[in-house]
Amino acid sequence: MGRTSKLTEELQARITHLVALGLDELTAFTAEGVSRSSFYEWRRQALAGEEPFATLWYEVERAAAKRNTELTLGLIKAARAGDVNTAFKLLKAFRPDLYGDKARIEHTGADGRPIETLNASFALSDEAADQLMRKALLGERDREAHEPREAEDTAQGCEVVPLHRGD
């Protein structure tokens, strides 16, 4: 049998009140002594329709919606009263595509030319793949691991297959 939940009507009322005042949900739960893990577990149970968590979540979401509505209406009232900064903040919030902060960053190569990119991949032959697997499984160590190797020795059994070359 599982533990009994510490969720009470009083705790639900306190959490809902904090959300209505402006706290985000997780902060409101934490402020009332609910652990982060319990918060996520209660939310999971609420989304599964389990009571009393479904009712708790409904009330918390309703309080958040009321809070957001009151804040938005307050901003609209201030904007209509001539507060240009508030009006602009509203425009940025509701139409970030038109009024949001935008930054354009360009990256260029030497002398302003495009950056050259090369995307390549390689495929191992079946024989080379088998050798690597044998080494990994048997715990063999490459004695020459710290010695420089010629490029053709390193690529033995590999076929380089270019995928894309951008300009």
C-alpha atoms as a PDB file:
ATOM      1  CA  MET A   1       0.000   0.000   0.000  1.00  0.00           C
ATOM      2  CA  GLY A   2       1.348   3.456  -0.907  1.00  0.00           C
ATOM      3  CA  ARG A   3       1.882   6.353   1.445  1.00  0.00           C
ATOM      4  CA  THR A   4      -0.966   8.710   2.098  1.00  0.00           C
ATOM      5  CA  SER A   5      -0.624  12.056   0.386  1.00  0.00           C
ATOM      6  CA  LYS A   6      -0.075  15.186   2.420  1.00  0.00           C
ATOM      7  CA  LEU A   7      -2.399  17.054   0.071  1.00  0.00           C
ATOM      8  CA  THR A   8      -5.183  18.635   2.102  1.00  0.00           C
ATOM      9  CA  GLU A   9      -7.858  21.165   1.212  1.00  0.00           C
ATOM     10  CA  GLU A  10      -5.944  23.756   3.250  1.00  0.00           C
ATOM     11  CA  LEU A  11      -2.701  23.086   1.363  1.00  0.00           C
ATOM     12  CA  GLN A  12      -4.561  23.261  -1.948  1.00  0.00           C
ATOM     13  CA  ALA A  13      -6.060  26.621  -0.964  1.00  0.00           C
ATOM     14  CA  ARG A  14      -2.657  28.041   0.052  1.00  0.00           C
ATOM     15  CA  ILE A  15      -0.977  26.879  -3.167  1.00  0.00           C
ATOM     16  CA  THR A  16      -3.813  28.212  -5.305  1.00  0.00           C
ATOM     17  CA  HIS A  17      -3.642  31.549  -3.492  1.00  0.00           C
ATOM     18  CA  LEU A  18       0.112  31.868  -4.136  1.00  0.00           C
ATOM     19  CA  VAL A  19      -0.378  31.129  -7.825  1.00  0.00           C
ATOM     20  CA  ALA A  20      -3.141  33.727  -7.970  1.00  0.00           C
ATOM     21  CA  LEU A  21      -0.754  36.272  -6.420  1.00  0.00           C
ATOM     22  CA  GLY A  22       1.783  35.687  -9.183  1.00  0.00           C
ATOM     23  CA  LEU A  23       4.056  32.784  -8.283  1.00  0.00           C
ATOM     24  CA  ASP A  24       4.683  30.100 -10.855  1.00  0.00           C
ATOM     25  CA  GLU A  25       3.291  26.692  -9.987  1.00  0.00           C
ATOM     26  CA  LEU A  26       6.524  24.976  -8.931  1.00  0.00           C
ATOM     27  CA  THR A  27       7.533  27.892  -6.698  1.00  0.00           C
ATOM     28  CA  ALA A  28       4.108  27.965  -5.045  1.00  0.00           C
ATOM     29  CA  PHE A  29       4.236  24.244  -4.290  1.00  0.00           C
ATOM     30  CA  THR A  30       7.808  24.488  -3.000  1.00  0.00           C
ATOM     31  CA  ALA A  31       6.951  27.486  -0.810  1.00  0.00           C
ATOM     32  CA  GLU A  32       4.285  25.356   0.851  1.00  0.00           C
ATOM     33  CA  GLY A  33       6.706  22.510   1.555  1.00  0.00           C
ATOM     34  CA  VAL A  34       5.933  20.234  -1.386  1.00  0.00           C
ATOM     35  CA  SER A  35       9.089  18.682  -2.823  1.00  0.00           C
ATOM     36  CA  ARG A  36       9.945  18.948  -6.500  1.00  0.00           C
ATOM     37  CA  SER A  37       9.474  15.190  -6.927  1.00  0.00           C
ATOM     38  CA  SER A  38       6.042  15.339  -5.279  1.00  0.00           C
ATOM     39  CA  PHE A  39       5.128  18.298  -7.489  1.00  0.00           C
ATOM     40  CA  TYR A  40       5.890  16.300 -10.652  1.00  0.00           C
ATOM     41  CA  GLU A  41       4.262  13.151  -9.290  1.00  0.00           C
ATOM     42  CA  TRP A  42       1.092  15.055  -8.341  1.00  0.00           C
ATOM     43  CA  ARG A  43       1.031  16.649 -11.788  1.00  0.00           C
ATOM     44  CA  ARG A  44       1.399  13.215 -13.415  1.00  0.00           C
ATOM     45  CA  GLN A  45      -1.481  11.904 -11.290  1.00  0.00           C
ATOM     46  CA  ALA A  46      -3.588  14.968 -12.134  1.00  0.00           C
ATOM     47  CA  LEU A  47      -3.040  14.491 -15.865  1.00  0.00           C
ATOM     48  CA  ALA A  48      -4.070  10.847 -15.425  1.00  0.00           C
ATOM     49  CA  GLY A  49      -7.325  12.090 -13.895  1.00  0.00           C
ATOM     50  CA  GLU A  50      -6.584  10.831 -10.387  1.00  0.00           C
ATOM     51  CA  GLU A  51      -8.299  12.645  -7.526  1.00  0.00           C
ATOM     52  CA  PRO A  52      -7.671  14.769  -5.527  1.00  0.00           C
ATOM     53  CA  PHE A  53      -4.785  15.793  -7.821  1.00  0.00           C
ATOM     54  CA  ALA A  54      -6.972  16.459 -10.871  1.00  0.00           C
ATOM     55  CA  THR A  55      -9.034  18.939  -8.855  1.00  0.00           C
ATOM     56  CA  LEU A  56      -5.883  20.531  -7.436  1.00  0.00           C
ATOM     57  CA  TRP A  57      -4.441  21.030 -10.916  1.00  0.00           C
ATOM     58  CA  TYR A  58      -7.706  22.415 -12.245  1.00  0.00           C
ATOM     59  CA  GLU A  59      -7.784  25.000  -9.440  1.00  0.00           C
ATOM     60  CA  VAL A  60      -4.097  25.905  -9.879  1.00  0.00           C
ATOM     61  CA  GLU A  61      -4.512  26.380 -13.659  1.00  0.00           C
ATOM     62  CA  ARG A  62      -7.660  28.422 -13.084  1.00  0.00           C
ATOM     63  CA  ALA A  63      -5.824  30.661 -10.583  1.00  0.00           C
ATOM     64  CA  ALA A  64      -2.954  31.106 -13.066  1.00  0.00           C
ATOM     65  CA  ALA A  65      -5.384  32.019 -15.848  1.00  0.00           C
ATOM     66  CA  LYS A  66      -7.128  34.586 -13.630  1.00  0.00           C
ATOM     67  CA  ARG A  67      -3.754  36.045 -12.607  1.00  0.00           C
ATOM     68  CA  ASN A  68      -2.585  36.297 -16.219  1.00  0.00           C
ATOM     69  CA  THR A  69      -5.870  37.899 -17.228  1.00  0.00           C
ATOM     70  CA  GLU A  70      -5.638  40.491 -14.445  1.00  0.00           C
ATOM     71  CA  LEU A  71      -2.025  41.305 -15.301  1.00  0.00           C
ATOM     72  CA  THR A  72      -2.779  41.627 -18.996  1.00  0.00           C
ATOM     73  CA  LEU A  73      -5.814  43.818 -18.384  1.00  0.00           C
ATOM     74  CA  GLY A  74      -3.719  46.016 -16.061  1.00  0.00           C
ATOM     75  CA  LEU A  75      -1.089  46.403 -18.777  1.00  0.00           C
ATOM     76  CA  ILE A  76      -3.727  47.241 -21.362  1.00  0.00           C
ATOM     77  CA  LYS A  77      -5.237  49.841 -19.033  1.00  0.00           C
ATOM     78  CA  ALA A  78      -1.804  51.426 -18.456  1.00  0.00           C
ATOM     79  CA  ALA A  79      -1.086  51.434 -22.187  1.00  0.00           C
ATOM     80  CA  ARG A  80      -4.430  53.092 -22.938  1.00  0.00           C
ATOM     81  CA  ALA A  81      -3.661  55.708 -20.303  1.00  0.00           C
ATOM     82  CA  GLY A  82      -0.598  56.711 -22.289  1.00  0.00           C
ATOM     83  CA  ASP A  83       2.163  54.596 -20.770  1.00  0.00           C
ATOM     84  CA  VAL A  84       4.219  54.078 -23.931  1.00  0.00           C
ATOM     85  CA  ASN A  85       6.681  51.652 -22.333  1.00  0.00           C
ATOM     86  CA  THR A  86       3.866  49.394 -21.204  1.00  0.00           C
ATOM     87  CA  ALA A  87       2.220  49.606 -24.609  1.00  0.00           C
ATOM     88  CA  PHE A  88       5.452  48.578 -26.281  1.00  0.00           C
ATOM     89  CA  LYS A  89       5.924  45.674 -23.839  1.00  0.00           C
ATOM     90  CA  LEU A  90       2.444  44.463 -24.726  1.00  0.00           C
ATOM     91  CA  LEU A  91       3.212  44.651 -28.430  1.00  0.00           C
ATOM     92  CA  LYS A  92       6.432  42.684 -27.885  1.00  0.00           C
ATOM     93  CA  ALA A  93       4.577  40.045 -25.861  1.00  0.00           C
ATOM     94  CA  PHE A  94       1.637  39.605 -28.204  1.00  0.00           C
ATOM     95  CA  ARG A  95       3.437  40.099 -31.534  1.00  0.00           C
ATOM     96  CA  PRO A  96       7.087  39.138 -31.042  1.00  0.00           C
ATOM     97  CA  ASP A  97       7.340  38.514 -34.782  1.00  0.00           C
ATOM     98  CA  LEU A  98       6.770  42.216 -35.435  1.00  0.00           C
ATOM     99  CA  TYR A  99       7.892  43.972 -32.242  1.00  0.00           C
ATOM    100  CA  GLY A 100      10.189  41.501 -30.464  1.00  0.00           C
ATOM    101  CA  ASP A 101      13.906  41.954 -30.035  1.00  0.00           C
ATOM    102  CA  LYS A 102      15.746  40.781 -33.097  1.00  0.00           C
ATOM    103  CA  ALA A 103      19.404  40.117 -33.630  1.00  0.00           C
ATOM    104  CA  ARG A 104      21.014  39.280 -36.942  1.00  0.00           C
ATOM    105  CA  ILE A 105      24.430  37.729 -36.769  1.00  0.00           C
ATOM    106  CA  GLU A 106      26.459  36.979 -39.858  1.00  0.00           C
ATOM    107  CA  HIS A 107      29.490  34.754 -39.882  1.00  0.00           C
ATOM    108  CA  THR A 108      32.024  35.050 -42.653  1.00  0.00           C
ATOM    109  CA  GLY A 109      35.314  33.462 -43.510  1.00  0.00           C
ATOM    110  CA  ALA A 110      38.597  35.188 -44.330  1.00  0.00           C
ATOM    111  CA  ASP A 111      38.246  38.476 -46.214  1.00  0.00           C
ATOM    112  CA  GLY A 112      34.448  38.356 -45.925  1.00  0.00           C
ATOM    113  CA  ARG A 113      34.153  35.226 -48.041  1.00  0.00           C
ATOM    114  CA  PRO A 114      31.732  32.444 -47.134  1.00  0.00           C
ATOM    115  CA  ILE A 115      32.903  29.901 -44.603  1.00  0.00           C
ATOM    116  CA  GLU A 116      33.855  26.681 -46.355  1.00  0.00           C
ATOM    117  CA  THR A 117      32.247  23.638 -44.818  1.00  0.00           C
ATOM    118  CA  LEU A 118      32.884  19.992 -45.463  1.00  0.00           C
ATOM    119  CA  ASN A 119      30.639  17.266 -44.192  1.00  0.00           C
ATOM    120  CA  ALA A 120      32.126  13.827 -44.657  1.00  0.00           C
ATOM    121  CA  SER A 121      31.564  10.399 -43.300  1.00  0.00           C
ATOM    122  CA  PHE A 122      33.403   7.147 -43.647  1.00  0.00           C
ATOM    123  CA  ALA A 123      32.329   3.555 -43.672  1.00  0.00           C
ATOM    124  CA  LEU A 124      34.318   0.642 -42.300  1.00  0.00           C
ATOM    125  CA  SER A 125      34.682  -2.488 -44.341  1.00  0.00           C
ATOM    126  CA  ASP A 126      33.219  -5.603 -42.731  1.00  0.00           C
ATOM    127  CA  GLU A 127      36.749  -6.877 -42.122  1.00  0.00           C
ATOM    128  CA  ALA A 128      37.843  -3.669 -40.351  1.00  0.00           C
ATOM    129  CA  ALA A 129      34.662  -3.652 -38.246  1.00  0.00           C
ATOM    130  CA  ASP A 130      35.307  -7.268 -37.234  1.00  0.00           C
ATOM    131  CA  GLN A 131      38.878  -6.390 -36.251  1.00  0.00           C
ATOM    132  CA  LEU A 132      37.682  -3.509 -34.075  1.00  0.00           C
ATOM    133  CA  MET A 133      35.054  -5.702 -32.418  1.00  0.00           C
ATOM    134  CA  ARG A 134      37.620  -8.439 -31.738  1.00  0.00           C
ATOM    135  CA  LYS A 135      39.961  -5.909 -30.146  1.00  0.00           C
ATOM    136  CA  ALA A 136      37.179  -4.470 -28.007  1.00  0.00           C
ATOM    137  CA  LEU A 137      35.903  -7.881 -26.906  1.00  0.00           C
ATOM    138  CA  LEU A 138      39.301  -9.402 -26.241  1.00  0.00           C
ATOM    139  CA  GLY A 139      40.662  -6.280 -24.582  1.00  0.00           C
ATOM    140  CA  GLU A 140      43.557  -6.034 -27.009  1.00  0.00           C
ATOM    141  CA  ARG A 141      45.460  -2.791 -26.891  1.00  0.00           C
ATOM    142  CA  ASP A 142      46.999  -1.058 -29.846  1.00  0.00           C
ATOM    143  CA  ARG A 143      50.716  -1.021 -29.002  1.00  0.00           C
ATOM    144  CA  GLU A 144      51.272   1.868 -31.371  1.00  0.00           C
ATOM    145  CA  ALA A 145      48.550   4.054 -29.872  1.00  0.00           C
ATOM    146  CA  HIS A 146      50.999   6.759 -28.878  1.00  0.00           C
ATOM    147  CA  GLU A 147      53.139   6.580 -31.994  1.00  0.00           C
ATOM    148  CA  PRO A 148      52.365   8.778 -35.000  1.00  0.00           C
ATOM    149  CA  ARG A 149      50.867   6.871 -37.922  1.00  0.00           C
ATOM    150  CA  GLU A 150      50.659   7.583 -41.581  1.00  0.00           C
ATOM    151  CA  ALA A 151      47.219   8.624 -42.777  1.00  0.00           C
ATOM    152  CA  GLU A 152      46.942   5.586 -45.046  1.00  0.00           C
ATOM    153  CA  ASP A 153      47.690   3.224 -42.126  1.00  0.00           C
ATOM    154  CA  THR A 154      44.976   4.862 -40.032  1.00  0.00           C
ATOM    155  CA  ALA A 155      42.427   4.574 -42.821  1.00  0.00           C
ATOM    156  CA  GLN A 156      43.260   0.933 -43.603  1.00  0.00           C
ATOM    157  CA  GLY A 157      39.985  -0.837 -44.225  1.00  0.00           C
ATOM    158  CA  CYS A 158      38.063   2.456 -44.352  1.00  0.00           C
ATOM    159  CA  GLU A 159      36.454   3.997 -47.347  1.00  0.00           C
ATOM    160  CA  VAL A 160      35.943   7.759 -47.192  1.00  0.00           C
ATOM    161  CA  VAL A 161      32.581   8.750 -48.601  1.00  0.00           C
ATOM    162  CA  PRO A 162      31.985  12.529 -48.956  1.00  0.00           C
ATOM    163  CA  LEU A 163      28.363  13.389 -48.196  1.00  0.00           C
ATOM    164  CA  HIS A 164      28.189  17.093 -48.900  1.00  0.00           C
ATOM    165  CA  ARG A 165      30.502  19.953 -49.684  1.00  0.00           C
ATOM    166  CA  GLY A 166      29.091  23.430 -49.091  1.00  0.00           C
ATOM    167  CA  ASP A 167      30.438  26.617 -50.613  1.00  0.00           C
END
